[in-house]
PDB file of all heavy atoms in Angstrom:
ATOM      1  N   PHE A   1      97.185  25.777-114.901  1.00  0.00           N
ATOM      2  CA  PHE A   1      95.805  25.344-115.119  1.00  0.00           C
ATOM      3  C   PHE A   1      95.306  24.441-113.982  1.00  0.00           C
ATOM      4  O   PHE A   1      96.078  23.980-113.148  1.00  0.00           O
ATOM      5  CB  PHE A   1      95.698  24.565-116.441  1.00  0.00           C
ATOM      6  CG  PHE A   1      96.526  23.315-116.466  1.00  0.00           C
ATOM      7  CD1 PHE A   1      96.047  22.112-115.946  1.00  0.00           C
ATOM      8  CD2 PHE A   1      97.799  23.331-117.043  1.00  0.00           C
ATOM      9  CE1 PHE A   1      96.824  20.967-115.966  1.00  0.00           C
ATOM     10  CE2 PHE A   1      98.578  22.171-117.063  1.00  0.00           C
ATOM     11  CZ  PHE A   1      98.081  20.998-116.518  1.00  0.00           C
ATOM     12  N   LYS A   2      93.981  24.210-114.021  1.00  0.00           N
ATOM     13  CA  LYS A   2      93.333  23.206-113.172  1.00  0.00           C
ATOM     14  C   LYS A   2      92.608  22.279-114.140  1.00  0.00           C
ATOM     15  O   LYS A   2      91.865  22.734-115.014  1.00  0.00           O
ATOM     16  CB  LYS A   2      92.346  23.840-112.202  1.00  0.00           C
ATOM     17  CG  LYS A   2      93.002  24.647-111.117  1.00  0.00           C
ATOM     18  CD  LYS A   2      91.996  25.223-110.147  1.00  0.00           C
ATOM     19  CE  LYS A   2      92.712  26.071-109.103  1.00  0.00           C
ATOM     20  NZ  LYS A   2      91.785  26.695-108.176  1.00  0.00           N
ATOM     21  N   ARG A   3      92.822  20.980-113.956  1.00  0.00           N
ATOM     22  CA  ARG A   3      92.228  19.998-114.878  1.00  0.00           C
ATOM     23  C   ARG A   3      91.485  18.957-114.046  1.00  0.00           C
ATOM     24  O   ARG A   3      91.995  18.433-113.050  1.00  0.00           O
ATOM     25  CB  ARG A   3      93.319  19.315-115.682  1.00  0.00           C
ATOM     26  CG  ARG A   3      92.803  18.185-116.571  1.00  0.00           C
ATOM     27  CD  ARG A   3      93.894  17.538-117.388  1.00  0.00           C
ATOM     28  NE  ARG A   3      94.403  18.544-118.318  1.00  0.00           N
ATOM     29  CZ  ARG A   3      95.671  18.637-118.704  1.00  0.00           C
ATOM     30  NH1 ARG A   3      96.562  17.801-118.231  1.00  0.00           N
ATOM     31  NH2 ARG A   3      96.062  19.570-119.544  1.00  0.00           N
ATOM     32  N   ARG A   4      90.228  18.667-114.477  1.00  0.00           N
ATOM     33  CA  ARG A   4      89.457  17.622-113.845  1.00  0.00           C
ATOM     34  C   ARG A   4      89.233  16.520-114.867  1.00  0.00           C
ATOM     35  O   ARG A   4      88.803  16.771-115.984  1.00  0.00           O
ATOM     36  CB  ARG A   4      88.116  18.124-113.289  1.00  0.00           C
ATOM     37  CG  ARG A   4      87.390  16.998-112.561  1.00  0.00           C
ATOM     38  CD  ARG A   4      86.168  17.458-111.813  1.00  0.00           C
ATOM     39  NE  ARG A   4      86.534  18.081-110.550  1.00  0.00           N
ATOM     40  CZ  ARG A   4      85.954  17.806-109.400  1.00  0.00           C
ATOM     41  NH1 ARG A   4      84.987  16.922-109.343  1.00  0.00           N
ATOM     42  NH2 ARG A   4      86.310  18.427-108.307  1.00  0.00           N
ATOM     43  N   GLU A   5      89.538  15.278-114.414  1.00  0.00           N
ATOM     44  CA  GLU A   5      89.344  14.104-115.271  1.00  0.00           C
ATOM     45  C   GLU A   5      88.198  13.311-114.684  1.00  0.00           C
ATOM     46  O   GLU A   5      88.194  12.978-113.493  1.00  0.00           O
ATOM     47  CB  GLU A   5      90.619  13.269-115.310  1.00  0.00           C
ATOM     48  CG  GLU A   5      91.821  14.038-115.835  1.00  0.00           C
ATOM     49  CD  GLU A   5      93.148  13.333-115.578  1.00  0.00           C
ATOM     50  OE1 GLU A   5      93.158  12.230-114.983  1.00  0.00           O
ATOM     51  OE2 GLU A   5      94.178  13.897-115.958  1.00  0.00           O
ATOM     52  N   TYR A   6      87.203  13.000-115.519  1.00  0.00           N
ATOM     53  CA  TYR A   6      86.018  12.273-115.082  1.00  0.00           C
ATOM     54  C   TYR A   6      86.168  10.786-115.420  1.00  0.00           C
ATOM     55  O   TYR A   6      86.864  10.440-116.365  1.00  0.00           O
ATOM     56  CB  TYR A   6      84.770  12.861-115.725  1.00  0.00           C
ATOM     57  CG  TYR A   6      84.498  14.286-115.305  1.00  0.00           C
ATOM     58  CD1 TYR A   6      85.108  15.347-115.994  1.00  0.00           C
ATOM     59  CD2 TYR A   6      83.696  14.565-114.223  1.00  0.00           C
ATOM     60  CE1 TYR A   6      84.896  16.658-115.599  1.00  0.00           C
ATOM     61  CE2 TYR A   6      83.471  15.883-113.826  1.00  0.00           C
ATOM     62  CZ  TYR A   6      84.078  16.926-114.507  1.00  0.00           C
ATOM     63  OH  TYR A   6      83.856  18.220-114.122  1.00  0.00           O
ATOM     64  N   PRO A   7      85.489   9.915-114.685  1.00  0.00           N
ATOM     65  CA  PRO A   7      85.600   8.457-114.928  1.00  0.00           C
ATOM     66  C   PRO A   7      85.228   8.066-116.357  1.00  0.00           C
ATOM     67  O   PRO A   7      85.733   7.099-116.890  1.00  0.00           O
ATOM     68  CB  PRO A   7      84.630   7.837-113.917  1.00  0.00           C
ATOM     69  CG  PRO A   7      84.537   8.852-112.820  1.00  0.00           C
ATOM     70  CD  PRO A   7      84.669  10.178-113.501  1.00  0.00           C
ATOM     71  N   ASP A   8      84.325   8.845-117.024  1.00  0.00           N
ATOM     72  CA  ASP A   8      83.935   8.494-118.400  1.00  0.00           C
ATOM     73  C   ASP A   8      84.978   8.929-119.432  1.00  0.00           C
ATOM     74  O   ASP A   8      84.791   8.699-120.626  1.00  0.00           O
ATOM     75  CB  ASP A   8      82.582   9.092-118.729  1.00  0.00           C
ATOM     76  CG  ASP A   8      82.601  10.625-118.874  1.00  0.00           C
ATOM     77  OD1 ASP A   8      83.674  11.244-118.668  1.00  0.00           O
ATOM     78  OD2 ASP A   8      81.539  11.197-119.173  1.00  0.00           O
ATOM     79  N   GLY A   9      86.074   9.549-118.984  1.00  0.00           N
ATOM     80  CA  GLY A   9      87.122   9.960-119.891  1.00  0.00           C
ATOM     81  C   GLY A   9      87.078  11.430-120.265  1.00  0.00           C
ATOM     82  O   GLY A   9      87.992  11.940-120.900  1.00  0.00           O
ATOM     83  N   THR A  10      86.021  12.134-119.896  1.00  0.00           N
ATOM     84  CA  THR A  10      85.925  13.575-120.172  1.00  0.00           C
ATOM     85  C   THR A  10      86.986  14.301-119.359  1.00  0.00           C
ATOM     86  O   THR A  10      87.217  13.967-118.207  1.00  0.00           O
ATOM     87  CB  THR A  10      84.530  14.106-119.781  1.00  0.00           C
ATOM     88  OG1 THR A  10      83.530  13.395-120.549  1.00  0.00           O
ATOM     89  CG2 THR A  10      84.396  15.598-120.034  1.00  0.00           C
ATOM     90  N   VAL A  11      87.626  15.303-119.990  1.00  0.00           N
ATOM     91  CA  VAL A  11      88.652  16.083-119.318  1.00  0.00           C
ATOM     92  C   VAL A  11      88.312  17.560-119.482  1.00  0.00           C
ATOM     93  O   VAL A  11      88.163  18.048-120.620  1.00  0.00           O
ATOM     94  CB  VAL A  11      90.058  15.809-119.909  1.00  0.00           C
ATOM     95  CG1 VAL A  11      91.103  16.709-119.243  1.00  0.00           C
ATOM     96  CG2 VAL A  11      90.421  14.348-119.731  1.00  0.00           C
ATOM     97  N   LYS A  12      88.183  18.280-118.363  1.00  0.00           N
ATOM     98  CA  LYS A  12      87.896  19.725-118.407  1.00  0.00           C
ATOM     99  C   LYS A  12      89.085  20.444-117.801  1.00  0.00           C
ATOM    100  O   LYS A  12      89.515  20.157-116.686  1.00  0.00           O
ATOM    101  CB  LYS A  12      86.627  20.057-117.628  1.00  0.00           C
ATOM    102  CG  LYS A  12      86.276  21.529-117.676  1.00  0.00           C
ATOM    103  CD  LYS A  12      84.941  21.821-117.015  1.00  0.00           C
ATOM    104  CE  LYS A  12      84.583  23.300-117.162  1.00  0.00           C
ATOM    105  NZ  LYS A  12      83.272  23.584-116.590  1.00  0.00           N
ATOM    106  N   THR A  13      89.616  21.417-118.577  1.00  0.00           N
ATOM    107  CA  THR A  13      90.776  22.198-118.120  1.00  0.00           C
ATOM    108  C   THR A  13      90.386  23.671-118.074  1.00  0.00           C
ATOM    109  O   THR A  13      89.789  24.193-119.015  1.00  0.00           O
ATOM    110  CB  THR A  13      91.966  22.019-119.103  1.00  0.00           C
ATOM    111  OG1 THR A  13      92.232  20.610-119.233  1.00  0.00           O
ATOM    112  CG2 THR A  13      93.201  22.722-118.596  1.00  0.00           C
ATOM    113  N   VAL A  14      90.706  24.308-116.953  1.00  0.00           N
ATOM    114  CA  VAL A  14      90.515  25.743-116.802  1.00  0.00           C
ATOM    115  C   VAL A  14      91.896  26.362-116.665  1.00  0.00           C
ATOM    116  O   VAL A  14      92.647  26.043-115.744  1.00  0.00           O
ATOM    117  CB  VAL A  14      89.638  26.088-115.567  1.00  0.00           C
ATOM    118  CG1 VAL A  14      89.470  27.584-115.422  1.00  0.00           C
ATOM    119  CG2 VAL A  14      88.283  25.390-115.647  1.00  0.00           C
ATOM    120  N   TYR A  15      92.225  27.271-117.609  1.00  0.00           N
ATOM    121  CA  TYR A  15      93.528  27.914-117.598  1.00  0.00           C
ATOM    122  C   TYR A  15      93.500  29.175-116.738  1.00  0.00           C
ATOM    123  O   TYR A  15      92.451  29.700-116.430  1.00  0.00           O
ATOM    124  CB  TYR A  15      93.952  28.238-119.049  1.00  0.00           C
ATOM    125  CG  TYR A  15      94.131  26.972-119.859  1.00  0.00           C
ATOM    126  CD1 TYR A  15      93.090  26.474-120.636  1.00  0.00           C
ATOM    127  CD2 TYR A  15      95.331  26.277-119.844  1.00  0.00           C
ATOM    128  CE1 TYR A  15      93.245  25.305-121.380  1.00  0.00           C
ATOM    129  CE2 TYR A  15      95.501  25.106-120.569  1.00  0.00           C
ATOM    130  CZ  TYR A  15      94.454  24.635-121.331  1.00  0.00           C
ATOM    131  OH  TYR A  15      94.604  23.465-122.043  1.00  0.00           O
ATOM    132  N   MET A  16      94.678  29.644-116.349  1.00  0.00           N
ATOM    133  CA  MET A  16      94.760  30.802-115.462  1.00  0.00           C
ATOM    134  C   MET A  16      94.139  32.060-116.065  1.00  0.00           C
ATOM    135  O   MET A  16      93.679  32.925-115.346  1.00  0.00           O
ATOM    136  CB  MET A  16      96.224  31.073-115.079  1.00  0.00           C
ATOM    137  CG  MET A  16      96.775  30.074-114.087  1.00  0.00           C
ATOM    138  SD  MET A  16      95.799  29.951-112.580  1.00  0.00           S
ATOM    139  CE  MET A  16      95.257  28.236-112.633  1.00  0.00           C
ATOM    140  N   ASN A  17      94.082  32.156-117.400  1.00  0.00           N
ATOM    141  CA  ASN A  17      93.465  33.335-118.046  1.00  0.00           C
ATOM    142  C   ASN A  17      91.941  33.209-118.077  1.00  0.00           C
ATOM    143  O   ASN A  17      91.257  34.087-118.607  1.00  0.00           O
ATOM    144  CB  ASN A  17      94.014  33.549-119.444  1.00  0.00           C
ATOM    145  CG  ASN A  17      93.691  32.393-120.402  1.00  0.00           C
ATOM    146  OD1 ASN A  17      92.932  31.476-120.043  1.00  0.00           O
ATOM    147  ND2 ASN A  17      94.235  32.460-121.607  1.00  0.00           N
ATOM    148  N   GLY A  18      91.406  32.094-117.534  1.00  0.00           N
ATOM    149  CA  GLY A  18      89.956  31.916-117.466  1.00  0.00           C
ATOM    150  C   GLY A  18      89.390  31.076-118.592  1.00  0.00           C
ATOM    151  O   GLY A  18      88.233  30.660-118.556  1.00  0.00           O
ATOM    152  N   GLN A  19      90.185  30.828-119.618  1.00  0.00           N
ATOM    153  CA  GLN A  19      89.704  30.019-120.738  1.00  0.00           C
ATOM    154  C   GLN A  19      89.485  28.592-120.274  1.00  0.00           C
ATOM    155  O   GLN A  19      90.232  28.060-119.453  1.00  0.00           O
ATOM    156  CB  GLN A  19      90.737  30.060-121.882  1.00  0.00           C
ATOM    157  CG  GLN A  19      90.291  29.288-123.102  1.00  0.00           C
ATOM    158  CD  GLN A  19      91.269  29.481-124.263  1.00  0.00           C
ATOM    159  OE1 GLN A  19      91.684  30.593-124.551  1.00  0.00           O
ATOM    160  NE2 GLN A  19      91.644  28.365-124.898  1.00  0.00           N
ATOM    161  N   GLN A  20      88.390  27.964-120.796  1.00  0.00           N
ATOM    162  CA  GLN A  20      88.042  26.592-120.427  1.00  0.00           C
ATOM    163  C   GLN A  20      88.042  25.723-121.674  1.00  0.00           C
ATOM    164  O   GLN A  20      87.579  26.130-122.721  1.00  0.00           O
ATOM    165  CB  GLN A  20      86.656  26.534-119.818  1.00  0.00           C
ATOM    166  CG  GLN A  20      86.485  27.351-118.579  1.00  0.00           C
ATOM    167  CD  GLN A  20      85.041  27.332-118.070  1.00  0.00           C
ATOM    168  OE1 GLN A  20      84.303  26.386-118.343  1.00  0.00           O
ATOM    169  NE2 GLN A  20      84.641  28.351-117.356  1.00  0.00           N
ATOM    170  N   GLU A  21      88.541  24.499-121.492  1.00  0.00           N
ATOM    171  CA  GLU A  21      88.584  23.532-122.603  1.00  0.00           C
ATOM    172  C   GLU A  21      88.045  22.220-122.074  1.00  0.00           C
ATOM    173  O   GLU A  21      88.490  21.706-121.055  1.00  0.00           O
ATOM    174  CB  GLU A  21      90.018  23.376-123.091  1.00  0.00           C
ATOM    175  CG  GLU A  21      90.182  22.331-124.170  1.00  0.00           C
ATOM    176  CD  GLU A  21      91.647  22.159-124.523  1.00  0.00           C
ATOM    177  OE1 GLU A  21      92.141  22.879-125.405  1.00  0.00           O
ATOM    178  OE2 GLU A  21      92.299  21.298-123.903  1.00  0.00           O
ATOM    179  N   THR A  22      87.035  21.684-122.790  1.00  0.00           N
ATOM    180  CA  THR A  22      86.473  20.376-122.386  1.00  0.00           C
ATOM    181  C   THR A  22      86.665  19.406-123.546  1.00  0.00           C
ATOM    182  O   THR A  22      86.252  19.703-124.681  1.00  0.00           O
ATOM    183  CB  THR A  22      84.960  20.501-122.073  1.00  0.00           C
ATOM    184  OG1 THR A  22      84.807  21.549-121.082  1.00  0.00           O
ATOM    185  CG2 THR A  22      84.411  19.205-121.501  1.00  0.00           C
ATOM    186  N   LYS A  23      87.292  18.268-123.259  1.00  0.00           N
ATOM    187  CA  LYS A  23      87.497  17.211-124.254  1.00  0.00           C
ATOM    188  C   LYS A  23      86.636  16.036-123.839  1.00  0.00           C
ATOM    189  O   LYS A  23      86.783  15.516-122.740  1.00  0.00           O
ATOM    190  CB  LYS A  23      88.972  16.802-124.328  1.00  0.00           C
ATOM    191  CG  LYS A  23      89.876  17.888-124.847  1.00  0.00           C
ATOM    192  CD  LYS A  23      91.336  17.394-124.890  1.00  0.00           C
ATOM    193  CE  LYS A  23      92.229  18.503-125.428  1.00  0.00           C
ATOM    194  NZ  LYS A  23      93.637  18.065-125.469  1.00  0.00           N
ATOM    195  N   TYR A  24      85.747  15.615-124.743  1.00  0.00           N
ATOM    196  CA  TYR A  24      84.855  14.506-124.456  1.00  0.00           C
ATOM    197  C   TYR A  24      85.396  13.225-125.056  1.00  0.00           C
ATOM    198  O   TYR A  24      86.229  13.245-125.972  1.00  0.00           O
ATOM    199  CB  TYR A  24      83.456  14.813-125.040  1.00  0.00           C
ATOM    200  CG  TYR A  24      82.826  16.056-124.444  1.00  0.00           C
ATOM    201  CD1 TYR A  24      83.003  17.297-125.029  1.00  0.00           C
ATOM    202  CD2 TYR A  24      82.055  15.972-123.276  1.00  0.00           C
ATOM    203  CE1 TYR A  24      82.458  18.446-124.486  1.00  0.00           C
ATOM    204  CE2 TYR A  24      81.502  17.099-122.720  1.00  0.00           C
ATOM    205  CZ  TYR A  24      81.690  18.333-123.338  1.00  0.00           C
ATOM    206  OH  TYR A  24      81.137  19.458-122.782  1.00  0.00           O
ATOM    207  N   VAL A  25      84.942  12.095-124.555  1.00  0.00           N
ATOM    208  CA  VAL A  25      85.377  10.801-125.024  1.00  0.00           C
ATOM    209  C   VAL A  25      85.117  10.613-126.515  1.00  0.00           C
ATOM    210  O   VAL A  25      85.885   9.994-127.214  1.00  0.00           O
ATOM    211  CB  VAL A  25      84.681   9.664-124.218  1.00  0.00           C
ATOM    212  CG1 VAL A  25      85.151   8.297-124.669  1.00  0.00           C
ATOM    213  CG2 VAL A  25      84.953   9.829-122.742  1.00  0.00           C
ATOM    214  N   SER A  26      84.021  11.208-126.983  1.00  0.00           N
ATOM    215  CA  SER A  26      83.621  11.090-128.403  1.00  0.00           C
ATOM    216  C   SER A  26      84.620  11.774-129.328  1.00  0.00           C
ATOM    217  O   SER A  26      84.567  11.585-130.537  1.00  0.00           O
ATOM    218  CB  SER A  26      82.255  11.746-128.597  1.00  0.00           C
ATOM    219  OG  SER A  26      82.323  13.135-128.315  1.00  0.00           O
ATOM    220  N   GLY A  27      85.520  12.610-128.779  1.00  0.00           N
ATOM    221  CA  GLY A  27      86.454  13.358-129.578  1.00  0.00           C
ATOM    222  C   GLY A  27      86.074  14.831-129.710  1.00  0.00           C
ATOM    223  O   GLY A  27      86.850  15.646-130.182  1.00  0.00           O
ATOM    224  N   ARG A  28      84.868  15.138-129.272  1.00  0.00           N
ATOM    225  CA  ARG A  28      84.394  16.527-129.302  1.00  0.00           C
ATOM    226  C   ARG A  28      85.269  17.387-128.377  1.00  0.00           C
ATOM    227  O   ARG A  28      85.635  16.955-127.288  1.00  0.00           O
ATOM    228  CB  ARG A  28      82.935  16.580-128.851  1.00  0.00           C
ATOM    229  CG  ARG A  28      82.373  17.967-128.717  1.00  0.00           C
ATOM    230  CD  ARG A  28      80.962  17.908-128.170  1.00  0.00           C
ATOM    231  NE  ARG A  28      80.444  19.249-127.918  1.00  0.00           N
ATOM    232  CZ  ARG A  28      79.352  19.502-127.222  1.00  0.00           C
ATOM    233  NH1 ARG A  28      78.626  18.493-126.715  1.00  0.00           N
ATOM    234  NH2 ARG A  28      78.955  20.744-127.041  1.00  0.00           N
ATOM    235  N   VAL A  29      85.576  18.626-128.807  1.00  0.00           N
ATOM    236  CA  VAL A  29      86.318  19.567-128.019  1.00  0.00           C
ATOM    237  C   VAL A  29      85.537  20.882-127.991  1.00  0.00           C
ATOM    238  O   VAL A  29      85.122  21.391-129.050  1.00  0.00           O
ATOM    239  CB  VAL A  29      87.725  19.827-128.594  1.00  0.00           C
ATOM    240  CG1 VAL A  29      88.468  20.886-127.768  1.00  0.00           C
ATOM    241  CG2 VAL A  29      88.546  18.533-128.640  1.00  0.00           C
ATOM    242  N   ARG A  30      85.319  21.401-126.789  1.00  0.00           N
ATOM    243  CA  ARG A  30      84.619  22.687-126.649  1.00  0.00           C
ATOM    244  C   ARG A  30      85.518  23.635-125.879  1.00  0.00           C
ATOM    245  O   ARG A  30      86.042  23.268-124.819  1.00  0.00           O
ATOM    246  CB  ARG A  30      83.285  22.510-125.928  1.00  0.00           C
ATOM    247  CG  ARG A  30      82.491  23.822-125.845  1.00  0.00           C
ATOM    248  CD  ARG A  30      81.137  23.615-125.233  1.00  0.00           C
ATOM    249  NE  ARG A  30      81.315  23.243-123.844  1.00  0.00           N
ATOM    250  CZ  ARG A  30      80.390  22.643-123.100  1.00  0.00           C
ATOM    251  NH1 ARG A  30      79.218  22.327-123.602  1.00  0.00           N
ATOM    252  NH2 ARG A  30      80.619  22.360-121.841  1.00  0.00           N
ATOM    253  N   VAL A  31      85.687  24.874-126.404  1.00  0.00           N
ATOM    254  CA  VAL A  31      86.521  25.869-125.748  1.00  0.00           C
ATOM    255  C   VAL A  31      85.656  27.092-125.469  1.00  0.00           C
ATOM    256  O   VAL A  31      84.936  27.556-126.356  1.00  0.00           O
ATOM    257  CB  VAL A  31      87.743  26.251-126.649  1.00  0.00           C
ATOM    258  CG1 VAL A  31      88.588  27.311-125.959  1.00  0.00           C
ATOM    259  CG2 VAL A  31      88.577  25.028-126.960  1.00  0.00           C
ATOM    260  N   LYS A  32      85.755  27.611-124.241  1.00  0.00           N
ATOM    261  CA  LYS A  32      85.033  28.804-123.846  1.00  0.00           C
ATOM    262  C   LYS A  32      86.054  29.855-123.408  1.00  0.00           C
ATOM    263  O   LYS A  32      87.109  29.520-122.834  1.00  0.00           O
ATOM    264  CB  LYS A  32      84.104  28.527-122.667  1.00  0.00           C
ATOM    265  CG  LYS A  32      82.961  27.584-122.981  1.00  0.00           C
ATOM    266  CD  LYS A  32      82.071  27.425-121.755  1.00  0.00           C
ATOM    267  CE  LYS A  32      80.908  26.480-122.026  1.00  0.00           C
ATOM    268  NZ  LYS A  32      80.071  26.310-120.817  1.00  0.00           N
ATOM    269  N   ASP A  33      85.727  31.145-123.625  1.00  0.00           N
ATOM    270  CA  ASP A  33      86.599  32.201-123.143  1.00  0.00           C
ATOM    271  C   ASP A  33      86.320  32.428-121.658  1.00  0.00           C
ATOM    272  O   ASP A  33      85.453  31.792-121.059  1.00  0.00           O
ATOM    273  CB  ASP A  33      86.436  33.487-123.966  1.00  0.00           C
ATOM    274  CG  ASP A  33      85.057  34.145-123.821  1.00  0.00           C
ATOM    275  OD1 ASP A  33      84.315  33.805-122.876  1.00  0.00           O
ATOM    276  OD2 ASP A  33      84.753  35.011-124.674  1.00  0.00           O
ATOM    277  N   LYS A  34      87.044  33.389-121.063  1.00  0.00           N
ATOM    278  CA  LYS A  34      86.937  33.628-119.616  1.00  0.00           C
ATOM    279  C   LYS A  34      85.544  34.024-119.178  1.00  0.00           C
ATOM    280  O   LYS A  34      85.194  33.865-118.017  1.00  0.00           O
ATOM    281  CB  LYS A  34      87.959  34.669-119.181  1.00  0.00           C
ATOM    282  CG  LYS A  34      87.742  36.070-119.729  1.00  0.00           C
ATOM    283  CD  LYS A  34      88.799  37.014-119.194  1.00  0.00           C
ATOM    284  CE  LYS A  34      88.703  38.415-119.753  1.00  0.00           C
ATOM    285  NZ  LYS A  34      87.472  39.084-119.528  1.00  0.00           N
ATOM    286  N   ASP A  35      84.719  34.528-120.088  1.00  0.00           N
ATOM    287  CA  ASP A  35      83.350  34.947-119.741  1.00  0.00           C
ATOM    288  C   ASP A  35      82.335  33.835-119.993  1.00  0.00           C
ATOM    289  O   ASP A  35      81.137  34.046-119.809  1.00  0.00           O
ATOM    290  CB  ASP A  35      82.974  36.202-120.530  1.00  0.00           C
ATOM    291  CG  ASP A  35      83.917  37.373-120.224  1.00  0.00           C
ATOM    292  OD1 ASP A  35      84.235  37.554-119.029  1.00  0.00           O
ATOM    293  OD2 ASP A  35      84.327  38.060-121.170  1.00  0.00           O
ATOM    294  N   GLY A  36      82.793  32.679-120.457  1.00  0.00           N
ATOM    295  CA  GLY A  36      81.894  31.563-120.693  1.00  0.00           C
ATOM    296  C   GLY A  36      81.329  31.489-122.105  1.00  0.00           C
ATOM    297  O   GLY A  36      80.489  30.625-122.381  1.00  0.00           O
ATOM    298  N   ASN A  37      81.781  32.370-122.982  1.00  0.00           N
ATOM    299  CA  ASN A  37      81.319  32.352-124.384  1.00  0.00           C
ATOM    300  C   ASN A  37      82.045  31.233-125.120  1.00  0.00           C
ATOM    301  O   ASN A  37      83.270  31.115-125.019  1.00  0.00           O
ATOM    302  CB  ASN A  37      81.591  33.691-125.075  1.00  0.00           C
ATOM    303  CG  ASN A  37      80.927  34.826-124.326  1.00  0.00           C
ATOM    304  OD1 ASN A  37      79.747  34.759-124.015  1.00  0.00           O
ATOM    305  ND2 ASN A  37      81.693  35.890-124.063  1.00  0.00           N
ATOM    306  N   ILE A  38      81.300  30.445-125.902  1.00  0.00           N
ATOM    307  CA  ILE A  38      81.911  29.350-126.675  1.00  0.00           C
ATOM    308  C   ILE A  38      82.664  29.974-127.833  1.00  0.00           C
ATOM    309  O   ILE A  38      82.114  30.710-128.648  1.00  0.00           O
ATOM    310  CB  ILE A  38      80.810  28.363-127.191  1.00  0.00           C
ATOM    311  CG1 ILE A  38      80.144  27.699-125.989  1.00  0.00           C
ATOM    312  CG2 ILE A  38      81.444  27.348-128.124  1.00  0.00           C
ATOM    313  CD1 ILE A  38      78.981  26.813-126.354  1.00  0.00           C
ATOM    314  N   ILE A  39      83.960  29.663-127.918  1.00  0.00           N
ATOM    315  CA  ILE A  39      84.771  30.177-129.030  1.00  0.00           C
ATOM    316  C   ILE A  39      85.154  29.041-130.009  1.00  0.00           C
ATOM    317  O   ILE A  39      85.612  29.305-131.111  1.00  0.00           O
ATOM    318  CB  ILE A  39      86.044  30.933-128.547  1.00  0.00           C
ATOM    319  CG1 ILE A  39      86.870  30.100-127.571  1.00  0.00           C
ATOM    320  CG2 ILE A  39      85.646  32.254-127.906  1.00  0.00           C
ATOM    321  CD1 ILE A  39      88.155  30.775-127.118  1.00  0.00           C
ATOM    322  N   MET A  40      84.910  27.780-129.580  1.00  0.00           N
ATOM    323  CA  MET A  40      85.130  26.643-130.478  1.00  0.00           C
ATOM    324  C   MET A  40      84.344  25.451-129.954  1.00  0.00           C
ATOM    325  O   MET A  40      84.297  25.216-128.763  1.00  0.00           O
ATOM    326  CB  MET A  40      86.614  26.300-130.547  1.00  0.00           C
ATOM    327  CG  MET A  40      86.920  25.186-131.566  1.00  0.00           C
ATOM    328  SD  MET A  40      88.666  24.747-131.561  1.00  0.00           S
ATOM    329  CE  MET A  40      88.671  23.324-130.499  1.00  0.00           C
ATOM    330  N   ASP A  41      83.715  24.731-130.869  1.00  0.00           N
ATOM    331  CA  ASP A  41      83.001  23.495-130.499  1.00  0.00           C
ATOM    332  C   ASP A  41      83.034  22.589-131.685  1.00  0.00           C
ATOM    333  O   ASP A  41      82.477  22.915-132.749  1.00  0.00           O
ATOM    334  CB  ASP A  41      81.558  23.800-130.092  1.00  0.00           C
ATOM    335  CG  ASP A  41      80.914  22.630-129.352  1.00  0.00           C
ATOM    336  OD1 ASP A  41      81.433  21.501-129.427  1.00  0.00           O
ATOM    337  OD2 ASP A  41      79.881  22.875-128.701  1.00  0.00           O
ATOM    338  N   THR A  42      83.701  21.437-131.549  1.00  0.00           N
ATOM    339  CA  THR A  42      83.800  20.489-132.671  1.00  0.00           C
ATOM    340  C   THR A  42      82.808  19.375-132.460  1.00  0.00           C
ATOM    341  O   THR A  42      83.181  18.222-132.261  1.00  0.00           O
ATOM    342  CB  THR A  42      85.210  19.911-132.778  1.00  0.00           C
ATOM    343  OG1 THR A  42      85.489  19.196-131.559  1.00  0.00           O
ATOM    344  CG2 THR A  42      86.254  20.969-132.985  1.00  0.00           C
ATOM    345  N   LYS A  43      81.512  19.719-132.511  1.00  0.00           N
ATOM    346  CA  LYS A  43      80.454  18.689-132.375  1.00  0.00           C
ATOM    347  C   LYS A  43      80.633  17.679-133.487  1.00  0.00           C
ATOM    348  O   LYS A  43      80.713  18.035-134.647  1.00  0.00           O
ATOM    349  CB  LYS A  43      79.071  19.325-132.431  1.00  0.00           C
ATOM    350  CG  LYS A  43      78.743  20.171-131.264  1.00  0.00           C
ATOM    351  CD  LYS A  43      77.334  20.700-131.388  1.00  0.00           C
ATOM    352  CE  LYS A  43      77.052  21.677-130.243  1.00  0.00           C
ATOM    353  NZ  LYS A  43      75.761  22.336-130.369  1.00  0.00           N
TER     354      LYS A  43
END
């Protein structure tokens, strides 16, 4: 994977299969498939 950590605590990870996962400081987690479609969002 490739993971970027932002100063505000947000962490975005892109896996080799193209799936993306973003974890926000608030606890929200958003997951997108390789085409950018949201497959999970815990607003």
